[in-house]
Amino acid sequence: MKRTAIGCIAFLILAALVSPFIKEVYARHQIMQKLAPVMTEQDKLAFQSWKGDAASFARSLEARCEIQNGKGSAACNPYRTAAE
């Protein structure tokens, strides 16, 4: 009985430690799916080496798009929706 309780507690602690990493991986996957049609190969490589969170990468692409096309441009909508 004591061994089972210790095993359950260890499992809960492990799950609590791993869950933030799983959430970030899932967020990166979702953003990649949204941005895949509009990203260049260079953007994809930059995303793989990005140290921040996935939403901040989408915001950086949106900022770059706004510099190139003007603020509020329709061309930047995919980046805008991915960053939300």
PDB file of N, CA and C in Angstrom:
ATOM      1  N   MET A   1       0.813  -1.188   0.000  1.00  0.00           N
ATOM      2  CA  MET A   1       0.000   0.000   0.000  1.00  0.00           C
ATOM      3  C   MET A   1       0.865   1.264   0.000  1.00  0.00           C
ATOM      4  N   LYS A   2       1.882   1.265   0.858  1.00  0.00           N
ATOM      5  CA  LYS A   2       2.773   2.417   0.950  1.00  0.00           C
ATOM      6  C   LYS A   2       3.534   2.606  -0.367  1.00  0.00           C
ATOM      7  N   ARG A   3       3.939   1.522  -0.976  1.00  0.00           N
ATOM      8  CA  ARG A   3       4.679   1.565  -2.231  1.00  0.00           C
ATOM      9  C   ARG A   3       3.806   2.153  -3.349  1.00  0.00           C
ATOM     10  N   THR A   4       2.536   1.799  -3.374  1.00  0.00           N
ATOM     11  CA  THR A   4       1.605   2.321  -4.377  1.00  0.00           C
ATOM     12  C   THR A   4       1.398   3.819  -4.188  1.00  0.00           C
ATOM     13  N   ALA A   5       1.260   4.262  -2.959  1.00  0.00           N
ATOM     14  CA  ALA A   5       1.074   5.680  -2.675  1.00  0.00           C
ATOM     15  C   ALA A   5       2.304   6.475  -3.101  1.00  0.00           C
ATOM     16  N   ILE A   6       3.481   5.975  -2.827  1.00  0.00           N
ATOM     17  CA  ILE A   6       4.718   6.652  -3.234  1.00  0.00           C
ATOM     18  C   ILE A   6       4.814   6.702  -4.753  1.00  0.00           C
ATOM     19  N   GLY A   7       4.427   5.615  -5.415  1.00  0.00           N
ATOM     20  CA  GLY A   7       4.435   5.587  -6.879  1.00  0.00           C
ATOM     21  C   GLY A   7       3.476   6.605  -7.473  1.00  0.00           C
ATOM     22  N   CYS A   8       2.291   6.731  -6.884  1.00  0.00           N
ATOM     23  CA  CYS A   8       1.313   7.715  -7.360  1.00  0.00           C
ATOM     24  C   CYS A   8       1.821   9.138  -7.158  1.00  0.00           C
ATOM     25  N   ILE A   9       2.408   9.400  -6.039  1.00  0.00           N
ATOM     26  CA  ILE A   9       2.949  10.735  -5.754  1.00  0.00           C
ATOM     27  C   ILE A   9       4.087  11.059  -6.721  1.00  0.00           C
ATOM     28  N   ALA A  10       4.952  10.096  -6.962  1.00  0.00           N
ATOM     29  CA  ALA A  10       6.056  10.308  -7.911  1.00  0.00           C
ATOM     30  C   ALA A  10       5.516  10.578  -9.313  1.00  0.00           C
ATOM     31  N   PHE A  11       4.473   9.872  -9.707  1.00  0.00           N
ATOM     32  CA  PHE A  11       3.871  10.078 -11.021  1.00  0.00           C
ATOM     33  C   PHE A  11       3.269  11.479 -11.133  1.00  0.00           C
ATOM     34  N   LEU A  12       2.589  11.926 -10.103  1.00  0.00           N
ATOM     35  CA  LEU A  12       1.984  13.258 -10.114  1.00  0.00           C
ATOM     36  C   LEU A  12       3.046  14.354 -10.179  1.00  0.00           C
ATOM     37  N   ILE A  13       4.125  14.173  -9.458  1.00  0.00           N
ATOM     38  CA  ILE A  13       5.219  15.156  -9.502  1.00  0.00           C
ATOM     39  C   ILE A  13       5.841  15.192 -10.891  1.00  0.00           C
ATOM     40  N   LEU A  14       6.067  14.026 -11.469  1.00  0.00           N
ATOM     41  CA  LEU A  14       6.625  13.953 -12.817  1.00  0.00           C
ATOM     42  C   LEU A  14       5.692  14.600 -13.834  1.00  0.00           C
ATOM     43  N   ALA A  15       4.410  14.336 -13.718  1.00  0.00           N
ATOM     44  CA  ALA A  15       3.432  14.932 -14.635  1.00  0.00           C
ATOM     45  C   ALA A  15       3.420  16.451 -14.502  1.00  0.00           C
ATOM     46  N   ALA A  16       3.530  16.961 -13.294  1.00  0.00           N
ATOM     47  CA  ALA A  16       3.549  18.409 -13.077  1.00  0.00           C
ATOM     48  C   ALA A  16       4.807  19.043 -13.671  1.00  0.00           C
ATOM     49  N   LEU A  17       5.917  18.337 -13.640  1.00  0.00           N
ATOM     50  CA  LEU A  17       7.164  18.873 -14.188  1.00  0.00           C
ATOM     51  C   LEU A  17       7.182  18.830 -15.715  1.00  0.00           C
ATOM     52  N   VAL A  18       6.526  17.861 -16.312  1.00  0.00           N
ATOM     53  CA  VAL A  18       6.578  17.664 -17.760  1.00  0.00           C
ATOM     54  C   VAL A  18       5.502  18.468 -18.493  1.00  0.00           C
ATOM     55  N   SER A  19       4.408  18.781 -17.853  1.00  0.00           N
ATOM     56  CA  SER A  19       3.277  19.418 -18.542  1.00  0.00           C
ATOM     57  C   SER A  19       3.613  20.755 -19.206  1.00  0.00           C
ATOM     58  N   PRO A  20       4.432  21.643 -18.644  1.00  0.00           N
ATOM     59  CA  PRO A  20       4.756  22.888 -19.372  1.00  0.00           C
ATOM     60  C   PRO A  20       5.482  22.629 -20.691  1.00  0.00           C
ATOM     61  N   PHE A  21       6.327  21.624 -20.721  1.00  0.00           N
ATOM     62  CA  PHE A  21       7.043  21.297 -21.953  1.00  0.00           C
ATOM     63  C   PHE A  21       6.092  20.754 -23.009  1.00  0.00           C
ATOM     64  N   ILE A  22       5.154  19.946 -22.577  1.00  0.00           N
ATOM     65  CA  ILE A  22       4.178  19.387 -23.508  1.00  0.00           C
ATOM     66  C   ILE A  22       3.297  20.490 -24.074  1.00  0.00           C
ATOM     67  N   LYS A  23       2.902  21.433 -23.241  1.00  0.00           N
ATOM     68  CA  LYS A  23       2.082  22.552 -23.710  1.00  0.00           C
ATOM     69  C   LYS A  23       2.823  23.377 -24.744  1.00  0.00           C
ATOM     70  N   GLU A  24       4.104  23.631 -24.523  1.00  0.00           N
ATOM     71  CA  GLU A  24       4.887  24.433 -25.468  1.00  0.00           C
ATOM     72  C   GLU A  24       5.064  23.694 -26.795  1.00  0.00           C
ATOM     73  N   VAL A  25       5.308  22.401 -26.733  1.00  0.00           N
ATOM     74  CA  VAL A  25       5.444  21.619 -27.965  1.00  0.00           C
ATOM     75  C   VAL A  25       4.147  21.657 -28.756  1.00  0.00           C
ATOM     76  N   TYR A  26       3.025  21.534 -28.073  1.00  0.00           N
ATOM     77  CA  TYR A  26       1.728  21.573 -28.739  1.00  0.00           C
ATOM     78  C   TYR A  26       1.459  22.956 -29.340  1.00  0.00           C
ATOM     79  N   ALA A  27       1.814  24.017 -28.631  1.00  0.00           N
ATOM     80  CA  ALA A  27       1.632  25.379 -29.148  1.00  0.00           C
ATOM     81  C   ALA A  27       2.500  25.606 -30.382  1.00  0.00           C
ATOM     82  N   ARG A  28       3.732  25.122 -30.357  1.00  0.00           N
ATOM     83  CA  ARG A  28       4.624  25.250 -31.516  1.00  0.00           C
ATOM     84  C   ARG A  28       4.034  24.512 -32.719  1.00  0.00           C
ATOM     85  N   HIS A  29       3.478  23.334 -32.460  1.00  0.00           N
ATOM     86  CA  HIS A  29       2.877  22.548 -33.539  1.00  0.00           C
ATOM     87  C   HIS A  29       1.681  23.295 -34.147  1.00  0.00           C
ATOM     88  N   GLN A  30       0.832  23.865 -33.315  1.00  0.00           N
ATOM     89  CA  GLN A  30      -0.339  24.585 -33.811  1.00  0.00           C
ATOM     90  C   GLN A  30       0.064  25.796 -34.650  1.00  0.00           C
ATOM     91  N   ILE A  31       1.031  26.549 -34.169  1.00  0.00           N
ATOM     92  CA  ILE A  31       1.470  27.744 -34.907  1.00  0.00           C
ATOM     93  C   ILE A  31       2.132  27.345 -36.216  1.00  0.00           C
ATOM     94  N   MET A  32       2.896  26.278 -36.193  1.00  0.00           N
ATOM     95  CA  MET A  32       3.535  25.801 -37.422  1.00  0.00           C
ATOM     96  C   MET A  32       2.482  25.388 -38.443  1.00  0.00           C
ATOM     97  N   GLN A  33       1.417  24.744 -37.995  1.00  0.00           N
ATOM     98  CA  GLN A  33       0.349  24.344 -38.912  1.00  0.00           C
ATOM     99  C   GLN A  33      -0.332  25.563 -39.533  1.00  0.00           C
ATOM    100  N   LYS A  34      -0.522  26.616 -38.755  1.00  0.00           N
ATOM    101  CA  LYS A  34      -1.173  27.825 -39.264  1.00  0.00           C
ATOM    102  C   LYS A  34      -0.270  28.593 -40.228  1.00  0.00           C
ATOM    103  N   LEU A  35       1.032  28.591 -39.947  1.00  0.00           N
ATOM    104  CA  LEU A  35       1.956  29.403 -40.736  1.00  0.00           C
ATOM    105  C   LEU A  35       2.626  28.654 -41.884  1.00  0.00           C
ATOM    106  N   ALA A  36       2.518  27.349 -41.928  1.00  0.00           N
ATOM    107  CA  ALA A  36       3.223  26.555 -42.939  1.00  0.00           C
ATOM    108  C   ALA A  36       2.979  27.033 -44.370  1.00  0.00           C
ATOM    109  N   PRO A  37       1.743  27.389 -44.749  1.00  0.00           N
ATOM    110  CA  PRO A  37       1.541  27.818 -46.142  1.00  0.00           C
ATOM    111  C   PRO A  37       2.229  29.131 -46.516  1.00  0.00           C
ATOM    112  N   VAL A  38       2.514  29.985 -45.538  1.00  0.00           N
ATOM    113  CA  VAL A  38       3.079  31.299 -45.865  1.00  0.00           C
ATOM    114  C   VAL A  38       4.545  31.450 -45.471  1.00  0.00           C
ATOM    115  N   MET A  39       5.108  30.446 -44.827  1.00  0.00           N
ATOM    116  CA  MET A  39       6.506  30.546 -44.396  1.00  0.00           C
ATOM    117  C   MET A  39       7.457  30.092 -45.497  1.00  0.00           C
ATOM    118  N   THR A  40       8.578  30.790 -45.605  1.00  0.00           N
ATOM    119  CA  THR A  40       9.630  30.369 -46.516  1.00  0.00           C
ATOM    120  C   THR A  40      10.497  29.319 -45.810  1.00  0.00           C
ATOM    121  N   GLU A  41      11.396  28.716 -46.550  1.00  0.00           N
ATOM    122  CA  GLU A  41      12.315  27.743 -45.944  1.00  0.00           C
ATOM    123  C   GLU A  41      13.184  28.404 -44.881  1.00  0.00           C
ATOM    124  N   GLN A  42      13.576  29.635 -45.141  1.00  0.00           N
ATOM    125  CA  GLN A  42      14.388  30.376 -44.169  1.00  0.00           C
ATOM    126  C   GLN A  42      13.591  30.616 -42.884  1.00  0.00           C
ATOM    127  N   ASP A  43      12.303  30.942 -43.027  1.00  0.00           N
ATOM    128  CA  ASP A  43      11.448  31.129 -41.849  1.00  0.00           C
ATOM    129  C   ASP A  43      11.313  29.826 -41.059  1.00  0.00           C
ATOM    130  N   LYS A  44      11.169  28.721 -41.754  1.00  0.00           N
ATOM    131  CA  LYS A  44      11.028  27.423 -41.081  1.00  0.00           C
ATOM    132  C   LYS A  44      12.285  27.069 -40.300  1.00  0.00           C
ATOM    133  N   LEU A  45      13.438  27.348 -40.880  1.00  0.00           N
ATOM    134  CA  LEU A  45      14.695  27.090 -40.172  1.00  0.00           C
ATOM    135  C   LEU A  45      14.841  28.015 -38.965  1.00  0.00           C
ATOM    136  N   ALA A  46      14.434  29.259 -39.131  1.00  0.00           N
ATOM    137  CA  ALA A  46      14.496  30.208 -38.015  1.00  0.00           C
ATOM    138  C   ALA A  46      13.551  29.778 -36.893  1.00  0.00           C
ATOM    139  N   PHE A  47      12.389  29.231 -37.252  1.00  0.00           N
ATOM    140  CA  PHE A  47      11.430  28.773 -36.248  1.00  0.00           C
ATOM    141  C   PHE A  47      11.981  27.594 -35.459  1.00  0.00           C
ATOM    142  N   GLN A  48      12.705  26.714 -36.128  1.00  0.00           N
ATOM    143  CA  GLN A  48      13.290  25.558 -35.438  1.00  0.00           C
ATOM    144  C   GLN A  48      14.338  25.978 -34.422  1.00  0.00           C
ATOM    145  N   SER A  49      15.040  27.063 -34.695  1.00  0.00           N
ATOM    146  CA  SER A  49      16.080  27.503 -33.768  1.00  0.00           C
ATOM    147  C   SER A  49      15.610  28.620 -32.841  1.00  0.00           C
ATOM    148  N   TRP A  50      14.332  28.981 -32.913  1.00  0.00           N
ATOM    149  CA  TRP A  50      13.777  30.059 -32.087  1.00  0.00           C
ATOM    150  C   TRP A  50      13.794  29.655 -30.625  1.00  0.00           C
ATOM    151  N   LYS A  51      14.328  30.508 -29.771  1.00  0.00           N
ATOM    152  CA  LYS A  51      14.438  30.214 -28.340  1.00  0.00           C
ATOM    153  C   LYS A  51      13.207  30.653 -27.547  1.00  0.00           C
ATOM    154  N   GLY A  52      12.442  31.586 -28.073  1.00  0.00           N
ATOM    155  CA  GLY A  52      11.258  32.066 -27.371  1.00  0.00           C
ATOM    156  C   GLY A  52      10.063  31.166 -27.603  1.00  0.00           C
ATOM    157  N   ASP A  53       8.901  31.644 -27.180  1.00  0.00           N
ATOM    158  CA  ASP A  53       7.691  30.858 -27.392  1.00  0.00           C
ATOM    159  C   ASP A  53       7.200  31.028 -28.827  1.00  0.00           C
ATOM    160  N   ALA A  54       6.306  30.154 -29.230  1.00  0.00           N
ATOM    161  CA  ALA A  54       5.850  30.122 -30.616  1.00  0.00           C
ATOM    162  C   ALA A  54       5.070  31.376 -30.994  1.00  0.00           C
ATOM    163  N   ALA A  55       4.264  31.894 -30.083  1.00  0.00           N
ATOM    164  CA  ALA A  55       3.476  33.088 -30.381  1.00  0.00           C
ATOM    165  C   ALA A  55       4.375  34.299 -30.638  1.00  0.00           C
ATOM    166  N   SER A  56       5.481  34.397 -29.932  1.00  0.00           N
ATOM    167  CA  SER A  56       6.383  35.533 -30.156  1.00  0.00           C
ATOM    168  C   SER A  56       7.043  35.440 -31.533  1.00  0.00           C
ATOM    169  N   PHE A  57       7.276  34.233 -32.017  1.00  0.00           N
ATOM    170  CA  PHE A  57       7.820  34.077 -33.369  1.00  0.00           C
ATOM    171  C   PHE A  57       6.795  34.550 -34.400  1.00  0.00           C
ATOM    172  N   ALA A  58       5.537  34.174 -34.205  1.00  0.00           N
ATOM    173  CA  ALA A  58       4.486  34.619 -35.123  1.00  0.00           C
ATOM    174  C   ALA A  58       4.354  36.133 -35.095  1.00  0.00           C
ATOM    175  N   ARG A  59       4.479  36.741 -33.909  1.00  0.00           N
ATOM    176  CA  ARG A  59       4.415  38.200 -33.822  1.00  0.00           C
ATOM    177  C   ARG A  59       5.598  38.853 -34.542  1.00  0.00           C
ATOM    178  N   SER A  60       6.772  38.216 -34.484  1.00  0.00           N
ATOM    179  CA  SER A  60       7.920  38.789 -35.189  1.00  0.00           C
ATOM    180  C   SER A  60       7.722  38.716 -36.699  1.00  0.00           C
ATOM    181  N   LEU A  61       7.115  37.633 -37.180  1.00  0.00           N
ATOM    182  CA  LEU A  61       6.818  37.546 -38.614  1.00  0.00           C
ATOM    183  C   LEU A  61       5.766  38.571 -39.020  1.00  0.00           C
ATOM    184  N   GLU A  62       4.784  38.785 -38.139  1.00  0.00           N
ATOM    185  CA  GLU A  62       3.759  39.789 -38.411  1.00  0.00           C
ATOM    186  C   GLU A  62       4.385  41.185 -38.481  1.00  0.00           C
ATOM    187  N   ALA A  63       5.301  41.490 -37.570  1.00  0.00           N
ATOM    188  CA  ALA A  63       5.972  42.792 -37.579  1.00  0.00           C
ATOM    189  C   ALA A  63       6.781  42.978 -38.856  1.00  0.00           C
ATOM    190  N   ARG A  64       7.457  41.928 -39.274  1.00  0.00           N
ATOM    191  CA  ARG A  64       8.229  42.005 -40.516  1.00  0.00           C
ATOM    192  C   ARG A  64       7.304  42.238 -41.709  1.00  0.00           C
ATOM    193  N   CYS A  65       6.181  41.549 -41.725  1.00  0.00           N
ATOM    194  CA  CYS A  65       5.212  41.708 -42.808  1.00  0.00           C
ATOM    195  C   CYS A  65       4.645  43.124 -42.839  1.00  0.00           C
ATOM    196  N   GLU A  66       4.375  43.681 -41.655  1.00  0.00           N
ATOM    197  CA  GLU A  66       3.841  45.044 -41.604  1.00  0.00           C
ATOM    198  C   GLU A  66       4.857  46.075 -42.073  1.00  0.00           C
ATOM    199  N   ILE A  67       6.122  45.807 -41.832  1.00  0.00           N
ATOM    200  CA  ILE A  67       7.162  46.714 -42.326  1.00  0.00           C
ATOM    201  C   ILE A  67       7.204  46.660 -43.850  1.00  0.00           C
ATOM    202  N   GLN A  68       7.068  45.463 -44.411  1.00  0.00           N
ATOM    203  CA  GLN A  68       7.143  45.307 -45.859  1.00  0.00           C
ATOM    204  C   GLN A  68       5.877  45.762 -46.579  1.00  0.00           C
ATOM    205  N   ASN A  69       4.703  45.509 -45.979  1.00  0.00           N
ATOM    206  CA  ASN A  69       3.436  45.739 -46.685  1.00  0.00           C
ATOM    207  C   ASN A  69       2.575  46.857 -46.109  1.00  0.00           C
ATOM    208  N   GLY A  70       2.955  47.398 -44.985  1.00  0.00           N
ATOM    209  CA  GLY A  70       2.164  48.446 -44.359  1.00  0.00           C
ATOM    210  C   GLY A  70       1.295  47.892 -43.235  1.00  0.00           C
ATOM    211  N   LYS A  71       1.044  48.733 -42.261  1.00  0.00           N
ATOM    212  CA  LYS A  71       0.278  48.317 -41.085  1.00  0.00           C
ATOM    213  C   LYS A  71      -1.163  47.992 -41.484  1.00  0.00           C
ATOM    214  N   GLY A  72      -1.674  46.869 -40.995  1.00  0.00           N
ATOM    215  CA  GLY A  72      -3.048  46.462 -41.283  1.00  0.00           C
ATOM    216  C   GLY A  72      -3.241  45.822 -42.640  1.00  0.00           C
ATOM    217  N   SER A  73      -2.158  45.479 -43.310  1.00  0.00           N
ATOM    218  CA  SER A  73      -2.243  44.884 -44.633  1.00  0.00           C
ATOM    219  C   SER A  73      -2.906  43.510 -44.573  1.00  0.00           C
ATOM    220  N   ALA A  74      -3.680  43.182 -45.588  1.00  0.00           N
ATOM    221  CA  ALA A  74      -4.341  41.875 -45.657  1.00  0.00           C
ATOM    222  C   ALA A  74      -3.318  40.746 -45.826  1.00  0.00           C
ATOM    223  N   ALA A  75      -2.164  41.061 -46.369  1.00  0.00           N
ATOM    224  CA  ALA A  75      -1.128  40.042 -46.544  1.00  0.00           C
ATOM    225  C   ALA A  75      -0.602  39.528 -45.205  1.00  0.00           C
ATOM    226  N   CYS A  76      -0.793  40.302 -44.136  1.00  0.00           N
ATOM    227  CA  CYS A  76      -0.291  39.931 -42.811  1.00  0.00           C
ATOM    228  C   CYS A  76      -1.314  39.168 -41.978  1.00  0.00           C
ATOM    229  N   ASN A  77      -2.509  38.928 -42.505  1.00  0.00           N
ATOM    230  CA  ASN A  77      -3.545  38.239 -41.742  1.00  0.00           C
ATOM    231  C   ASN A  77      -3.144  36.857 -41.252  1.00  0.00           C
ATOM    232  N   PRO A  78      -2.465  36.021 -42.051  1.00  0.00           N
ATOM    233  CA  PRO A  78      -2.077  34.706 -41.530  1.00  0.00           C
ATOM    234  C   PRO A  78      -1.173  34.805 -40.302  1.00  0.00           C
ATOM    235  N   TYR A  79      -0.283  35.769 -40.278  1.00  0.00           N
ATOM    236  CA  TYR A  79       0.605  35.955 -39.135  1.00  0.00           C
ATOM    237  C   TYR A  79      -0.177  36.463 -37.932  1.00  0.00           C
ATOM    238  N   ARG A  80      -1.120  37.355 -38.194  1.00  0.00           N
ATOM    239  CA  ARG A  80      -1.940  37.929 -37.134  1.00  0.00           C
ATOM    240  C   ARG A  80      -2.783  36.846 -36.451  1.00  0.00           C
ATOM    241  N   THR A  81      -3.406  35.988 -37.236  1.00  0.00           N
ATOM    242  CA  THR A  81      -4.247  34.949 -36.650  1.00  0.00           C
ATOM    243  C   THR A  81      -3.426  33.881 -35.941  1.00  0.00           C
ATOM    244  N   ALA A  82      -2.227  33.611 -36.413  1.00  0.00           N
ATOM    245  CA  ALA A  82      -1.374  32.614 -35.751  1.00  0.00           C
ATOM    246  C   ALA A  82      -0.855  33.131 -34.419  1.00  0.00           C
ATOM    247  N   ALA A  83      -0.657  34.432 -34.304  1.00  0.00           N
ATOM    248  CA  ALA A  83      -0.112  35.006 -33.077  1.00  0.00           C
ATOM    249  C   ALA A  83      -1.152  35.105 -31.972  1.00  0.00           C
ATOM    250  N   GLU A  84      -2.407  34.976 -32.297  1.00  0.00           N
ATOM    251  CA  GLU A  84      -3.463  35.108 -31.293  1.00  0.00           C
ATOM    252  C   GLU A  84      -3.524  33.913 -30.383  1.00  0.00           C
TER     253      GLU A  84
END
